[in-house]
Amino acid sequence: MEHLVRGLAASTRQNALAYGYSLALTSTFGILATIDRPPTVGDVFLFATGAAITFTLATTVVTRGFRVHHEEEPPVVQILGASFSVVSITGSVGAAALVGWAAPHWVAWLVGAFVASGAYLVLAAVEIAVARVLRERRGLQLERIGGSG
């Protein structure tokens, strides 16, 4: 049983942000297909482009043109922040829904993915920042359970 718990802990810790992003963008695709229309092949490429551009821009800004490296937050902050992911997931889908209602066809697919991706990144960052504050105010630490082997 210990190994099962350790495996689950590793999986949730290491995959939380990527899993949340996958849920957010898959849901965004579904919401745009519902609000706008079933996508064309071109819409799918626009969607992928809009989502990818967000990461390019965010990485460029955060690293100040690829010149600055930021240290990761401690595991307890990452785990606590990930536990708030319903906010970043639903917030990004909601932002994309607004774009889908307001923008015409192909624009909705490009801008909706861009907005959803950007909203997810910002909201996930806020979740981590809140987790950091909670850790500092409450003195949260992780307790090690289980030995090696």
Protein backbone atom coordinates (compact mmCIF):
# COMPACT_ATOMS: atom_id res chain seq x y z
CA MET A 1 0.00 0.00 0.00
CA GLU A 2 2.88 2.36 0.77
CA HIS A 3 4.18 2.09 -2.79
CA LEU A 4 0.75 2.87 -4.18
CA VAL A 5 0.52 6.01 -2.05
CA ARG A 6 4.06 7.03 -3.04
CA GLY A 7 3.22 6.52 -6.71
CA LEU A 8 0.06 8.59 -6.40
CA ALA A 9 1.98 11.33 -4.57
CA ALA A 10 4.64 11.42 -7.30
CA SER A 11 2.05 11.45 -10.07
CA THR A 12 -0.01 14.26 -8.61
CA ARG A 13 3.03 16.36 -7.72
CA GLN A 14 4.83 15.99 -11.03
CA ASN A 15 1.84 16.15 -13.37
CA ALA A 16 -0.51 18.65 -11.74
CA LEU A 17 0.19 21.74 -13.86
CA ALA A 18 0.38 19.84 -17.14
CA TYR A 19 -2.76 17.89 -16.30
CA GLY A 20 -4.60 21.08 -15.40
CA TYR A 21 -3.48 22.71 -18.64
CA SER A 22 -4.62 19.66 -20.62
CA LEU A 23 -8.04 19.83 -18.97
CA ALA A 24 -8.28 23.57 -19.57
CA LEU A 25 -7.40 23.43 -23.26
CA THR A 26 -9.46 20.32 -23.99
CA SER A 27 -12.44 21.98 -22.33
CA THR A 28 -11.72 25.18 -24.24
CA PHE A 29 -11.80 23.23 -27.50
CA GLY A 30 -15.15 21.76 -26.51
CA ILE A 31 -16.64 25.08 -25.47
CA LEU A 32 -15.57 26.76 -28.71
CA ALA A 33 -17.00 23.90 -30.76
CA THR A 34 -20.28 24.30 -28.86
CA ILE A 35 -20.49 28.09 -28.99
CA ASP A 36 -19.10 28.70 -32.48
CA ARG A 37 -19.34 25.62 -34.71
CA PRO A 38 -17.53 22.35 -35.28
CA PRO A 39 -13.95 23.26 -36.20
CA THR A 40 -12.41 23.00 -39.62
CA VAL A 41 -8.87 21.70 -40.09
CA GLY A 42 -7.75 25.33 -40.29
CA ASP A 43 -9.50 26.13 -37.01
CA VAL A 44 -7.60 23.33 -35.29
CA PHE A 45 -4.28 24.76 -36.51
CA LEU A 46 -5.35 28.25 -35.40
CA PHE A 47 -6.27 26.84 -32.00
CA ALA A 48 -2.87 25.14 -31.63
CA THR A 49 -1.10 28.31 -32.76
CA GLY A 50 -3.00 30.53 -30.33
CA ALA A 51 -2.24 28.24 -27.41
CA ALA A 52 1.44 27.85 -28.31
CA ILE A 53 2.07 31.57 -28.82
CA THR A 54 1.02 32.18 -25.22
CA PHE A 55 3.85 30.00 -23.92
CA THR A 56 6.37 31.64 -26.23
CA LEU A 57 5.42 35.11 -25.04
CA ALA A 58 5.20 34.14 -21.37
CA THR A 59 8.57 32.39 -21.41
CA THR A 60 10.19 35.35 -23.16
CA VAL A 61 8.77 37.82 -20.62
CA VAL A 62 9.43 35.73 -17.48
CA THR A 63 13.02 34.99 -18.48
CA ARG A 64 13.60 38.57 -19.66
CA GLY A 65 14.52 37.45 -23.12
CA PHE A 66 15.97 34.09 -22.00
CA ARG A 67 18.53 35.73 -19.68
CA VAL A 68 17.03 35.00 -16.22
CA HIS A 69 16.34 31.66 -14.51
CA HIS A 70 13.86 31.50 -11.63
CA GLU A 71 14.18 28.85 -8.93
CA GLU A 72 11.24 26.51 -8.39
CA GLU A 73 8.99 26.79 -5.38
CA PRO A 74 9.41 24.19 -2.62
CA PRO A 75 7.36 20.99 -3.05
CA VAL A 76 4.83 21.97 -0.36
CA VAL A 77 4.05 25.19 -2.27
CA GLN A 78 3.72 23.33 -5.57
CA ILE A 79 1.40 20.73 -4.05
CA LEU A 80 -0.77 23.26 -2.24
CA GLY A 81 -0.94 25.50 -5.33
CA ALA A 82 -1.96 22.57 -7.50
CA SER A 83 -4.79 21.79 -5.11
CA PHE A 84 -6.41 25.09 -6.17
CA SER A 85 -6.31 24.16 -9.88
CA VAL A 86 -10.08 24.20 -10.29
CA VAL A 87 -9.74 27.99 -10.36
CA SER A 88 -7.19 28.10 -13.18
CA ILE A 89 -8.97 25.41 -15.18
CA THR A 90 -12.47 26.84 -15.00
CA GLY A 91 -11.25 30.43 -15.23
CA SER A 92 -9.40 29.76 -18.46
CA VAL A 93 -12.39 27.95 -19.98
CA GLY A 94 -14.67 30.81 -18.94
CA ALA A 95 -12.35 33.35 -20.55
CA ALA A 96 -12.36 31.35 -23.78
CA ALA A 97 -16.15 31.10 -23.69
CA LEU A 98 -16.36 34.89 -23.61
CA VAL A 99 -14.11 35.06 -26.67
CA GLY A 100 -16.22 32.40 -28.41
CA TRP A 101 -19.37 34.42 -27.87
CA ALA A 102 -17.79 37.70 -28.95
CA ALA A 103 -15.50 36.78 -31.86
CA PRO A 104 -16.36 35.50 -35.33
CA HIS A 105 -15.46 31.98 -36.45
CA TRP A 106 -11.70 31.65 -37.11
CA VAL A 107 -10.88 34.52 -34.74
CA ALA A 108 -12.59 32.65 -31.90
CA TRP A 109 -10.37 29.61 -32.48
CA LEU A 110 -7.11 31.60 -32.55
CA VAL A 111 -7.88 34.14 -29.84
CA GLY A 112 -9.92 31.75 -27.68
CA ALA A 113 -6.98 29.36 -27.37
CA PHE A 114 -4.58 32.25 -26.76
CA VAL A 115 -6.80 33.71 -24.03
CA ALA A 116 -7.45 30.33 -22.39
CA SER A 117 -3.76 29.48 -22.38
CA GLY A 118 -2.81 32.90 -21.02
CA ALA A 119 -5.53 32.83 -18.39
CA TYR A 120 -4.40 29.38 -17.27
CA LEU A 121 -0.78 30.52 -16.91
CA VAL A 122 -1.72 33.64 -14.95
CA LEU A 123 -4.28 31.91 -12.73
CA ALA A 124 -1.93 28.98 -12.03
CA ALA A 125 0.75 31.51 -11.07
CA VAL A 126 -1.73 33.19 -8.70
CA GLU A 127 -2.52 29.78 -7.18
CA ILE A 128 1.19 29.19 -6.53
CA ALA A 129 1.58 32.70 -5.10
CA VAL A 130 -1.36 32.13 -2.74
CA ALA A 131 0.14 28.79 -1.73
CA ARG A 132 3.44 30.50 -0.99
CA VAL A 133 1.72 33.05 1.26
CA LEU A 134 -0.21 30.31 3.06
CA ARG A 135 2.98 28.34 3.58
CA GLU A 136 4.76 31.35 5.06
CA ARG A 137 1.85 32.40 7.29
CA ARG A 138 1.07 28.90 8.55
CA GLY A 139 4.58 27.46 8.52
CA LEU A 140 3.55 24.49 6.37
CA GLN A 141 6.15 21.78 5.89
CA LEU A 142 6.00 18.36 4.29
CA GLU A 143 6.49 15.35 6.52
CA ARG A 144 8.56 12.55 4.98
CA ILE A 145 6.80 9.20 5.06
CA GLY A 146 8.40 5.92 4.06
CA GLY A 147 11.97 4.91 3.65
CA SER A 148 14.06 4.06 0.65
CA GLY A 149 13.86 0.74 -1.11
